């Protein structure tokens, strides 16, 4: 069964919270028990020392001629301390025999004339003694125990008795239990609050991921209209933004693919229809034999057009697949320009085009793939000749700088509108003017030119004024960063 990411994270966070609160609870309990024990230790040790000092003074007051229990104030003081500090107080002789006992303000005679464990008394010296236990079976339960000696200061420091103060250890558990109850109550409230916050926070993270998954499924079904909503700038927001960018690229690629198929189908359909129609006319006798050569010549040009289309498509495929490799070499770009212009001499003469600038071009060598650069210049010159008005001009400008070499081809004519200039380097794009005048072009030439210049780490730009001129400018870097063969 599929478990959602939200449930997994909530379960994981819940386990971590429970473990954290449990460990913290044990730590708090241990700390509180230690804290209360230290507090109670300080109390009973102080009381034991106080009682011992008091008894020592009382005996000194009586000049050690009476028993300490004969002083009426001793029992009263013991009872008051016992009730105030909730402790048991013993007064023993030097051998540990209990002479006086007070338990929470009530004197209990059953301990009188009994002894504290003698093995314990024998280990007590002149200093205070502290431990916790049952006084070697004296108590059934554990107690905190502090014992202080009572001295006869008349002849040095001779021990004449002991004062012992004890507190039931269970009272520490009661205090710790009270703290634990408060802790548990607070922990439950804190857990619920943190749980709600965690669920809300994780849901904020998971929801965009669900939306991305849903959008991806829509893409898989061929629907590209949905986008991911981005509310934050964190990693999840960046993922949503990146997904939207990917979606835009997919949409663009899909549109390009659709347009590509439509354009190729159109470009193939027209010459094939023409060729098929003329062949049918020749075969069924519709076209007279005297006109066969004329129509065969038309079919020849249509076949050449198909050949150019296939060649352009192959170039496009090689470029898009990365198969085109740049063969860097030094070559004379001036000679290349002149040879290309001579290839169009007949068309230039027929349209009475004035060619400017060739005589002023300096001899310049550039670094690049001469075959690909020839394809670029040939395409630009072909377009210039094709769209120059009769009696117009074509001007060639070559500029050599320290960083690059630029070649600009300018022609008079109808020009290109600003809206068309933005799209003119796209695949299969043809301006309205081009569609009217360029019957055999496929709209791939300038796209291929742009890619070739990018492969050379160069570039191409277009500028035009409608009904005035059009200018295409390419440039090659002086020092190419491309690897050489």
Protein backbone atom coordinates (compact mmCIF):
# COMPACT_ATOMS: atom_id res chain seq x y z
CA UNK A 1 0.00 0.00 0.00
CA UNK A 2 1.33 3.42 -0.93
CA UNK A 3 2.19 5.68 1.99
CA UNK A 4 2.21 9.41 1.43
CA UNK A 5 5.28 11.49 2.13
CA UNK A 6 3.25 13.55 4.62
CA UNK A 7 2.41 10.47 6.70
CA UNK A 8 6.01 9.26 6.62
CA UNK A 9 7.41 12.58 7.80
CA UNK A 10 4.69 13.06 10.43
CA UNK A 11 5.32 9.55 11.79
CA UNK A 12 9.08 10.12 11.77
CA UNK A 13 8.72 13.52 13.48
CA UNK A 14 6.32 12.03 16.06
CA UNK A 15 8.77 9.26 16.96
CA UNK A 16 11.58 11.81 17.30
CA UNK A 17 9.38 14.02 19.50
CA UNK A 18 8.34 11.13 21.74
CA UNK A 19 11.93 9.94 22.13
CA UNK A 20 13.06 13.49 22.84
CA UNK A 21 10.39 14.11 25.46
CA UNK A 22 11.00 10.67 27.04
CA UNK A 23 14.75 11.17 27.27
CA UNK A 24 14.20 14.68 28.56
CA UNK A 25 11.71 13.31 31.13
CA UNK A 26 14.25 10.80 32.47
CA UNK A 27 16.89 13.51 32.55
CA UNK A 28 14.57 15.90 34.39
CA UNK A 29 13.61 13.18 36.88
CA UNK A 30 17.23 12.28 37.60
CA UNK A 31 18.17 15.93 37.87
CA UNK A 32 15.27 16.76 40.20
CA UNK A 33 16.00 13.76 42.44
CA UNK A 34 19.63 14.79 42.64
CA UNK A 35 18.64 18.40 43.23
CA UNK A 36 16.16 17.56 46.00
CA UNK A 37 18.61 15.17 47.62
CA UNK A 38 21.29 17.86 47.64
CA UNK A 39 18.79 20.33 49.10
CA UNK A 40 17.66 17.90 51.77
CA UNK A 41 21.26 16.88 52.47
CA UNK A 42 22.10 20.52 53.12
CA UNK A 43 19.07 20.85 55.43
CA UNK A 44 19.66 17.76 57.56
CA UNK A 45 23.41 18.35 57.71
CA UNK A 46 22.81 21.90 58.87
CA UNK A 47 20.19 20.74 61.38
CA UNK A 48 22.44 17.99 62.69
CA UNK A 49 25.31 20.44 63.15
CA UNK A 50 22.97 22.96 64.76
CA UNK A 51 21.58 20.39 67.18
CA UNK A 52 25.06 19.16 68.02
CA UNK A 53 26.30 22.69 68.71
CA UNK A 54 23.18 23.42 70.77
CA UNK A 55 23.61 20.29 72.87
CA UNK A 56 27.30 21.10 73.37
CA UNK A 57 26.36 24.55 74.70
CA UNK A 58 23.65 23.14 76.93
CA UNK A 59 26.07 20.71 78.52
CA UNK A 60 28.63 23.43 78.97
CA UNK A 61 25.92 25.55 80.61
CA UNK A 62 25.24 22.75 83.13
CA UNK A 63 28.98 22.35 83.54
CA UNK A 64 28.58 18.73 82.37
CA UNK A 65 27.12 17.78 85.81
CA UNK A 66 23.66 16.66 84.52
CA UNK A 67 22.44 14.46 81.67
CA UNK A 68 21.57 16.34 78.54
CA UNK A 69 18.05 14.91 78.54
CA UNK A 70 17.35 16.60 81.85
CA UNK A 71 17.28 19.98 80.10
CA UNK A 72 13.63 20.79 79.38
CA UNK A 73 14.36 22.85 76.28
CA UNK A 74 16.12 20.02 74.43
CA UNK A 75 12.93 18.06 73.72
CA UNK A 76 11.04 21.20 72.75
CA UNK A 77 13.73 22.26 70.31
CA UNK A 78 13.88 18.77 68.81
CA UNK A 79 10.11 18.62 68.40
CA UNK A 80 9.94 22.03 66.76
CA UNK A 81 12.75 21.27 64.32
CA UNK A 82 11.30 17.88 63.52
CA UNK A 83 7.92 19.34 62.71
CA UNK A 84 9.32 22.32 60.80
CA UNK A 85 11.67 20.30 58.57
CA UNK A 86 9.62 17.07 58.43
CA UNK A 87 12.53 15.01 59.71
CA UNK A 88 13.46 12.55 62.49
CA UNK A 89 15.95 13.68 65.14
CA UNK A 90 17.93 11.41 67.47
CA UNK A 91 20.11 12.24 70.45
CA UNK A 92 22.41 9.38 71.50
CA UNK A 93 25.15 8.81 74.00
CA UNK A 94 28.73 8.12 72.97
CA UNK A 95 27.94 4.47 72.25
CA UNK A 96 24.95 5.23 70.00
CA UNK A 97 22.26 4.50 72.62
CA UNK A 98 19.20 6.62 71.86
CA UNK A 99 18.37 8.95 74.76
CA UNK A 100 15.90 11.21 72.98
CA UNK A 101 13.91 10.87 69.78
CA UNK A 102 11.48 13.18 68.00
CA UNK A 103 9.54 12.25 64.87
CA UNK A 104 7.62 15.11 63.24
CA UNK A 105 6.78 16.65 66.60
CA UNK A 106 5.63 13.39 68.28
CA UNK A 107 8.00 11.74 70.71
CA UNK A 108 8.09 7.98 70.18
CA UNK A 109 9.29 6.14 73.32
CA UNK A 110 9.86 2.83 71.53
CA UNK A 111 13.28 3.99 70.29
CA UNK A 112 14.43 5.06 73.74
CA UNK A 113 17.26 2.88 75.09
CA UNK A 114 17.77 1.29 71.67
CA UNK A 115 20.93 1.77 69.71
CA UNK A 116 21.86 3.12 66.35
CA UNK A 117 24.00 0.56 64.49
CA UNK A 118 27.19 0.36 66.54
CA UNK A 119 29.30 -0.52 63.51
CA UNK A 120 28.18 2.77 62.03
CA UNK A 121 28.86 4.72 65.24
CA UNK A 122 32.32 3.25 65.41
CA UNK A 123 33.20 4.69 62.01
CA UNK A 124 32.22 8.26 62.89
CA UNK A 125 35.06 10.44 63.99
CA UNK A 126 35.16 14.10 64.87
CA UNK A 127 33.63 15.15 61.53
CA UNK A 128 30.06 15.03 60.31
CA UNK A 129 28.76 11.85 58.69
CA UNK A 130 26.31 11.69 55.75
CA UNK A 131 24.79 8.81 53.79
CA UNK A 132 21.48 7.43 52.61
CA UNK A 133 20.13 3.97 53.39
CA UNK A 134 18.14 2.18 56.11
CA UNK A 135 20.72 2.54 58.89
CA UNK A 136 21.64 -1.14 58.66
CA UNK A 137 18.02 -2.26 59.09
CA UNK A 138 17.07 0.42 61.61
CA UNK A 139 14.50 1.68 59.06
CA UNK A 140 12.46 -0.38 56.64
CA UNK A 141 12.85 2.25 53.87
CA UNK A 142 15.77 4.33 52.70
CA UNK A 143 16.45 7.59 54.46
CA UNK A 144 18.88 10.45 54.14
CA UNK A 145 21.08 10.40 57.26
CA UNK A 146 23.32 13.05 58.79
CA UNK A 147 25.13 12.46 62.11
CA UNK A 148 27.18 15.04 64.06
CA UNK A 149 29.13 14.46 67.29
CA UNK A 150 28.37 16.27 70.56
CA UNK A 151 31.54 17.35 72.35
CA UNK A 152 32.65 17.94 75.91
CA UNK A 153 34.78 21.01 75.43
CA UNK A 154 35.89 21.19 79.06
CA UNK A 155 38.75 18.79 78.56
CA UNK A 156 39.55 19.09 74.85
CA UNK A 157 37.05 17.66 72.37
CA UNK A 158 35.79 14.43 73.83
CA UNK A 159 32.71 12.93 72.15
CA UNK A 160 29.91 12.48 74.68
CA UNK A 161 27.10 11.77 72.19
CA UNK A 162 25.67 12.19 68.74
CA UNK A 163 22.80 14.00 67.06
CA UNK A 164 21.30 12.23 64.02
CA UNK A 165 18.84 13.79 61.57
CA UNK A 166 17.02 11.63 59.00
CA UNK A 167 14.51 12.26 56.25
CA UNK A 168 12.44 9.59 54.53
CA UNK A 169 13.77 9.13 50.99
CA UNK A 170 10.21 8.61 49.74
CA UNK A 171 9.57 12.29 50.31
CA UNK A 172 12.08 12.98 47.53
CA UNK A 173 10.12 10.70 45.23
CA UNK A 174 6.95 12.56 46.13
CA UNK A 175 8.54 15.88 45.21
CA UNK A 176 10.00 14.42 42.05
CA UNK A 177 6.63 12.87 41.18
CA UNK A 178 4.98 16.28 41.51
CA UNK A 179 7.57 17.74 39.17
CA UNK A 180 7.12 14.84 36.73
CA UNK A 181 3.35 15.34 36.69
CA UNK A 182 3.87 19.00 35.83
CA UNK A 183 6.45 17.97 33.21
CA UNK A 184 4.15 15.38 31.64
CA UNK A 185 1.27 17.85 31.48
CA UNK A 186 3.54 20.47 29.91
CA UNK A 187 5.10 17.89 27.57
CA UNK A 188 1.69 16.73 26.30
CA UNK A 189 0.66 20.30 25.53
CA UNK A 190 4.04 21.03 23.94
CA UNK A 191 3.85 17.79 21.93
CA UNK A 192 0.41 18.63 20.58
CA UNK A 193 1.49 22.17 19.64
CA UNK A 194 4.70 20.98 18.03
CA UNK A 195 2.80 18.16 16.28
CA UNK A 196 0.36 20.65 14.75
CA UNK A 197 3.23 22.91 13.69
CA UNK A 198 5.10 19.96 12.16
CA UNK A 199 2.04 18.75 10.25
CA UNK A 200 1.42 22.27 8.96
CA UNK A 201 5.08 22.80 8.01
CA UNK A 202 5.48 19.41 6.32
CA UNK A 203 2.20 19.90 4.48
CA UNK A 204 3.55 23.24 3.21
CA UNK A 205 6.53 21.33 1.82
CA UNK A 206 4.62 18.32 0.50
CA UNK A 207 1.76 20.22 -1.15
CA UNK A 208 3.96 21.84 -3.84
CA UNK A 209 5.56 18.43 -4.47
CA UNK A 210 2.09 16.95 -4.99
CA UNK A 211 1.29 19.80 -7.33
CA UNK A 212 4.52 19.20 -9.26
CA UNK A 213 3.69 15.49 -9.52
CA UNK A 214 0.17 16.27 -10.75
CA UNK A 215 1.50 18.73 -13.31
CA UNK A 216 4.08 16.18 -14.48
CA UNK A 217 1.28 13.62 -14.97
CA UNK A 218 -0.63 16.20 -17.00
CA UNK A 219 2.47 16.72 -19.15
CA UNK A 220 2.73 12.95 -19.63
CA UNK A 221 -0.84 12.97 -20.96
CA UNK A 222 -0.01 15.76 -23.40
CA UNK A 223 -1.57 18.68 -21.52
CA UNK A 224 0.90 21.54 -21.12
CA UNK A 225 -1.40 24.23 -19.75
CA UNK A 226 -0.90 23.65 -16.00
CA UNK A 227 1.83 25.41 -14.04
CA UNK A 228 3.11 24.97 -10.49
CA UNK A 229 2.17 27.69 -8.01
CA UNK A 230 5.27 29.12 -6.31
CA UNK A 231 4.73 30.77 -2.91
CA UNK A 232 8.23 30.72 -1.37
CA UNK A 233 11.82 31.36 -2.36
CA UNK A 234 13.30 28.38 -0.47
CA UNK A 235 14.48 25.10 -2.02
CA UNK A 236 10.92 23.91 -2.66
CA UNK A 237 10.06 27.25 -4.26
CA UNK A 238 13.20 27.04 -6.38
CA UNK A 239 12.18 23.52 -7.42
CA UNK A 240 8.76 24.85 -8.46
CA UNK A 241 10.36 27.68 -10.40
CA UNK A 242 12.78 25.28 -12.10
CA UNK A 243 9.87 22.96 -12.95
CA UNK A 244 7.95 25.86 -14.49
CA UNK A 245 11.01 26.79 -16.51
CA UNK A 246 11.27 23.17 -17.62
CA UNK A 247 7.57 23.25 -18.49
CA UNK A 248 8.08 26.39 -20.58
CA UNK A 249 10.96 24.68 -22.36
CA UNK A 250 8.84 21.56 -22.96
CA UNK A 251 5.98 23.71 -24.26
CA UNK A 252 8.38 25.62 -26.47
CA UNK A 253 9.94 22.38 -27.72
CA UNK A 254 6.52 20.89 -28.35
CA UNK A 255 5.44 23.99 -30.27
CA UNK A 256 8.69 23.90 -32.23
CA UNK A 257 8.18 20.19 -32.94
CA UNK A 258 4.62 20.81 -34.13
CA UNK A 259 5.73 23.77 -36.20
CA UNK A 260 8.67 21.77 -37.52
CA UNK A 261 6.45 18.92 -38.70
CA UNK A 262 3.92 21.35 -40.20
CA UNK A 263 6.61 23.30 -42.05
CA UNK A 264 8.41 20.22 -43.32
CA UNK A 265 5.11 18.70 -44.41
CA UNK A 266 4.21 21.92 -46.21
CA UNK A 267 7.61 22.27 -47.85
CA UNK A 268 7.53 18.65 -49.01
CA UNK A 269 3.92 18.69 -50.11
CA UNK A 270 4.21 21.63 -52.49
CA UNK A 271 6.99 20.32 -54.78
CA UNK A 272 5.70 16.74 -54.61
CA UNK A 273 2.22 17.89 -55.59
CA UNK A 274 3.68 19.91 -58.45
CA UNK A 275 5.86 17.05 -59.66
CA UNK A 276 3.04 14.52 -59.31
CA UNK A 277 0.61 16.72 -61.22
CA UNK A 278 2.99 17.30 -64.11
CA UNK A 279 3.86 13.60 -64.31
CA UNK A 280 0.16 12.71 -64.43
CA UNK A 281 -0.34 15.33 -67.15
CA UNK A 282 2.51 13.93 -69.22
CA UNK A 283 1.40 10.33 -68.78
CA UNK A 284 -2.29 10.86 -69.53
CA UNK A 285 -1.54 13.20 -72.45
CA UNK A 286 -3.06 16.32 -70.87
CA UNK A 287 0.25 18.10 -71.41
CA UNK A 288 1.13 18.09 -75.12
CA UNK A 289 4.44 16.52 -76.13
CA UNK A 290 5.72 19.87 -77.34
CA UNK A 291 5.51 21.20 -73.74
CA UNK A 292 7.12 18.16 -72.09
CA UNK A 293 10.57 19.78 -71.90
CA UNK A 294 9.12 22.91 -70.32
CA UNK A 295 7.37 20.98 -67.58
CA UNK A 296 10.24 18.57 -67.07
CA UNK A 297 12.42 21.63 -66.44
CA UNK A 298 9.91 22.84 -63.83
CA UNK A 299 10.01 19.40 -62.19
CA UNK A 300 13.81 19.57 -62.25
CA UNK A 301 13.77 22.81 -60.27
CA UNK A 302 11.24 21.34 -57.84
CA UNK A 303 13.50 18.30 -57.34
CA UNK A 304 16.43 20.70 -56.72
CA UNK A 305 14.24 22.44 -54.19
CA UNK A 306 13.56 19.12 -52.47
CA UNK A 307 17.28 18.40 -52.52
CA UNK A 308 18.02 21.73 -50.84
CA UNK A 309 15.33 21.03 -48.24
CA UNK A 310 16.80 17.61 -47.46
CA UNK A 311 20.30 19.09 -47.32
CA UNK A 312 19.14 21.83 -44.94
CA UNK A 313 17.32 19.27 -42.81
CA UNK A 314 20.46 17.15 -42.63
CA UNK A 315 22.50 20.20 -41.62
CA UNK A 316 19.89 21.06 -39.02
CA UNK A 317 19.90 17.50 -37.67
CA UNK A 318 23.68 17.44 -37.45
CA UNK A 319 23.73 20.79 -35.65
CA UNK A 320 20.97 19.90 -33.17
CA UNK A 321 22.58 16.54 -32.37
CA UNK A 322 25.99 18.13 -31.81
CA UNK A 323 27.63 16.23 -34.65
CA UNK A 324 29.03 19.38 -36.26
CA UNK A 325 32.67 19.72 -35.23
CA UNK A 326 34.62 22.92 -35.76
CA UNK A 327 37.90 22.45 -37.68
CA UNK A 328 39.88 25.52 -36.73
CA UNK A 329 42.40 26.90 -39.17
CA UNK A 330 43.71 30.23 -40.36
CA UNK A 331 42.23 31.36 -43.71
CA UNK A 332 41.87 34.52 -45.80
CA UNK A 333 38.34 35.76 -45.24
CA UNK A 334 38.76 38.53 -47.84
CA UNK A 335 39.22 36.01 -50.66
CA UNK A 336 36.24 34.04 -49.33
CA UNK A 337 33.97 37.10 -49.55
CA UNK A 338 35.11 37.97 -53.06
CA UNK A 339 34.66 34.37 -54.33
CA UNK A 340 31.18 34.26 -52.87
CA UNK A 341 30.17 37.56 -54.50
CA UNK A 342 31.49 36.29 -57.87
CA UNK A 343 29.27 33.22 -57.56
CA UNK A 344 26.25 35.58 -57.78
CA UNK A 345 27.67 37.74 -60.60
CA UNK A 346 24.94 36.83 -63.12
CA UNK A 347 22.06 37.58 -60.73
CA UNK A 348 23.74 40.81 -59.61
CA UNK A 349 24.09 41.86 -63.25
CA UNK A 350 20.49 40.90 -64.11
CA UNK A 351 19.12 43.07 -61.24
CA UNK A 352 21.61 45.86 -61.97
CA UNK A 353 22.81 45.82 -58.35
CA UNK A 354 25.64 48.15 -57.40
CA UNK A 355 28.20 46.32 -55.24
CA UNK A 356 30.10 48.61 -52.86
CA UNK A 357 33.07 48.11 -50.59
CA UNK A 358 34.80 45.13 -52.17
CA UNK A 359 37.67 47.29 -53.39
CA UNK A 360 38.23 48.65 -49.89
CA UNK A 361 38.34 45.33 -48.01
CA UNK A 362 41.82 44.77 -46.48
CA UNK A 363 43.42 41.37 -46.60
CA UNK A 364 42.45 39.76 -43.31
CA UNK A 365 43.05 36.30 -41.93
CA UNK A 366 40.67 34.83 -39.37
CA UNK A 367 40.61 31.63 -37.33
CA UNK A 368 37.67 29.31 -37.86
CA UNK A 369 36.16 26.55 -39.96
CA UNK A 370 36.47 27.88 -43.51
CA UNK A 371 33.73 25.60 -44.92
CA UNK A 372 31.18 26.64 -42.27
CA UNK A 373 32.09 30.35 -42.54
CA UNK A 374 31.72 30.06 -46.33
CA UNK A 375 28.21 28.64 -45.76
CA UNK A 376 27.41 31.65 -43.53
CA UNK A 377 28.65 34.27 -46.01
CA UNK A 378 27.04 32.45 -48.96
CA UNK A 379 23.67 32.45 -47.19
CA UNK A 380 23.90 36.15 -46.30
CA UNK A 381 24.97 37.18 -49.81
CA UNK A 382 22.24 35.00 -51.35
CA UNK A 383 19.60 36.71 -49.20
CA UNK A 384 21.02 40.15 -50.00
CA UNK A 385 20.90 39.49 -53.76
CA UNK A 386 17.43 37.96 -53.48
CA UNK A 387 15.82 40.87 -51.61
CA UNK A 388 17.73 43.85 -53.09
CA UNK A 389 15.47 45.98 -55.31
CA UNK A 390 16.34 46.29 -59.01
CA UNK A 391 18.96 49.00 -59.40
CA UNK A 392 19.72 48.88 -55.67
CA UNK A 393 22.99 48.24 -53.91
CA UNK A 394 24.85 45.73 -51.76
CA UNK A 395 27.63 47.01 -49.51
CA UNK A 396 30.27 44.88 -47.78
CA UNK A 397 32.11 46.21 -44.71
CA UNK A 398 34.92 44.34 -42.95
CA UNK A 399 36.27 45.66 -39.65
CA UNK A 400 39.33 44.25 -37.94
CA UNK A 401 39.88 45.07 -34.23
CA UNK A 402 42.12 43.74 -31.49
CA UNK A 403 39.35 41.48 -30.17
CA UNK A 404 37.38 40.36 -33.23
CA UNK A 405 36.79 40.57 -36.98
CA UNK A 406 33.34 41.63 -38.14
CA UNK A 407 31.73 41.29 -41.59
CA UNK A 408 28.65 43.37 -42.40
CA UNK A 409 26.51 42.91 -45.52
CA UNK A 410 24.06 45.72 -46.24
CA UNK A 411 21.46 45.76 -49.01
CA UNK A 412 18.80 48.22 -50.09
CA UNK A 413 15.23 47.11 -50.46
CA UNK A 414 11.99 46.62 -48.55
CA UNK A 415 13.75 45.88 -45.27
CA UNK A 416 12.50 43.89 -42.29
CA UNK A 417 9.92 45.08 -39.76
CA UNK A 418 10.95 45.30 -36.07
CA UNK A 419 8.57 42.45 -35.14
CA UNK A 420 10.11 40.19 -37.79
CA UNK A 421 13.66 41.05 -36.69
CA UNK A 422 12.99 39.39 -33.31
CA UNK A 423 12.03 36.08 -34.96
CA UNK A 424 14.11 36.01 -38.11
CA UNK A 425 16.70 33.58 -36.69
CA UNK A 426 14.07 31.01 -35.60
CA UNK A 427 13.61 27.72 -37.40
CA UNK A 428 11.32 27.88 -40.45
CA UNK A 429 10.50 31.53 -39.87
CA UNK A 430 9.80 33.51 -43.02
CA UNK A 431 8.64 37.11 -43.12
CA UNK A 432 5.57 38.02 -45.14
CA UNK A 433 7.80 39.78 -47.68
CA UNK A 434 10.00 36.69 -47.85
CA UNK A 435 7.00 34.43 -48.45
CA UNK A 436 6.00 36.55 -51.43
CA UNK A 437 9.46 36.82 -52.99
CA UNK A 438 11.31 33.69 -51.81
CA UNK A 439 9.37 30.79 -53.24
CA UNK A 440 12.09 28.18 -52.72
CA UNK A 441 13.43 29.12 -49.27
CA UNK A 442 12.53 27.03 -46.22
CA UNK A 443 13.30 29.50 -43.43
CA UNK A 444 16.24 27.47 -42.16
CA UNK A 445 19.20 29.41 -43.55
CA UNK A 446 19.45 32.15 -40.93
CA UNK A 447 18.88 29.69 -38.08
CA UNK A 448 21.79 27.58 -39.34
CA UNK A 449 23.90 30.76 -39.74
CA UNK A 450 23.19 31.73 -36.12
CA UNK A 451 24.14 28.28 -34.81
CA UNK A 452 27.37 28.19 -36.85
CA UNK A 453 28.41 31.57 -35.45
CA UNK A 454 27.60 30.39 -31.90
CA UNK A 455 29.75 27.30 -32.50
CA UNK A 456 32.60 29.69 -33.34
CA UNK A 457 31.99 31.69 -30.10
CA UNK A 458 30.92 34.55 -32.36
CA UNK A 459 27.53 36.01 -33.17
CA UNK A 460 25.18 37.61 -35.67
CA UNK A 461 22.85 40.61 -35.47
CA UNK A 462 20.33 42.19 -37.82
CA UNK A 463 19.26 45.79 -38.21
CA UNK A 464 16.86 47.19 -40.77
CA UNK A 465 14.78 50.20 -41.68
CA UNK A 466 11.65 49.25 -43.65
CA UNK A 467 11.69 50.44 -47.26
CA UNK A 468 15.32 51.50 -46.86
CA UNK A 469 17.95 48.88 -46.01
CA UNK A 470 18.78 45.63 -44.22
CA UNK A 471 22.08 44.82 -42.50
CA UNK A 472 23.39 41.48 -41.24
CA UNK A 473 26.58 41.61 -39.18
CA UNK A 474 28.66 38.63 -38.06
CA UNK A 475 31.80 38.58 -35.95
CA UNK A 476 34.52 36.09 -35.07
CA UNK A 477 36.74 36.35 -31.98
CA UNK A 478 40.39 37.10 -32.67
CA UNK A 479 41.57 34.36 -30.34
CA UNK A 480 39.24 31.38 -30.42
CA UNK A 481 38.81 29.40 -27.19
CA UNK A 482 37.75 26.30 -29.11
CA UNK A 483 40.08 23.27 -29.14
CA UNK A 484 42.12 22.83 -32.29
CA UNK A 485 42.40 19.61 -34.24
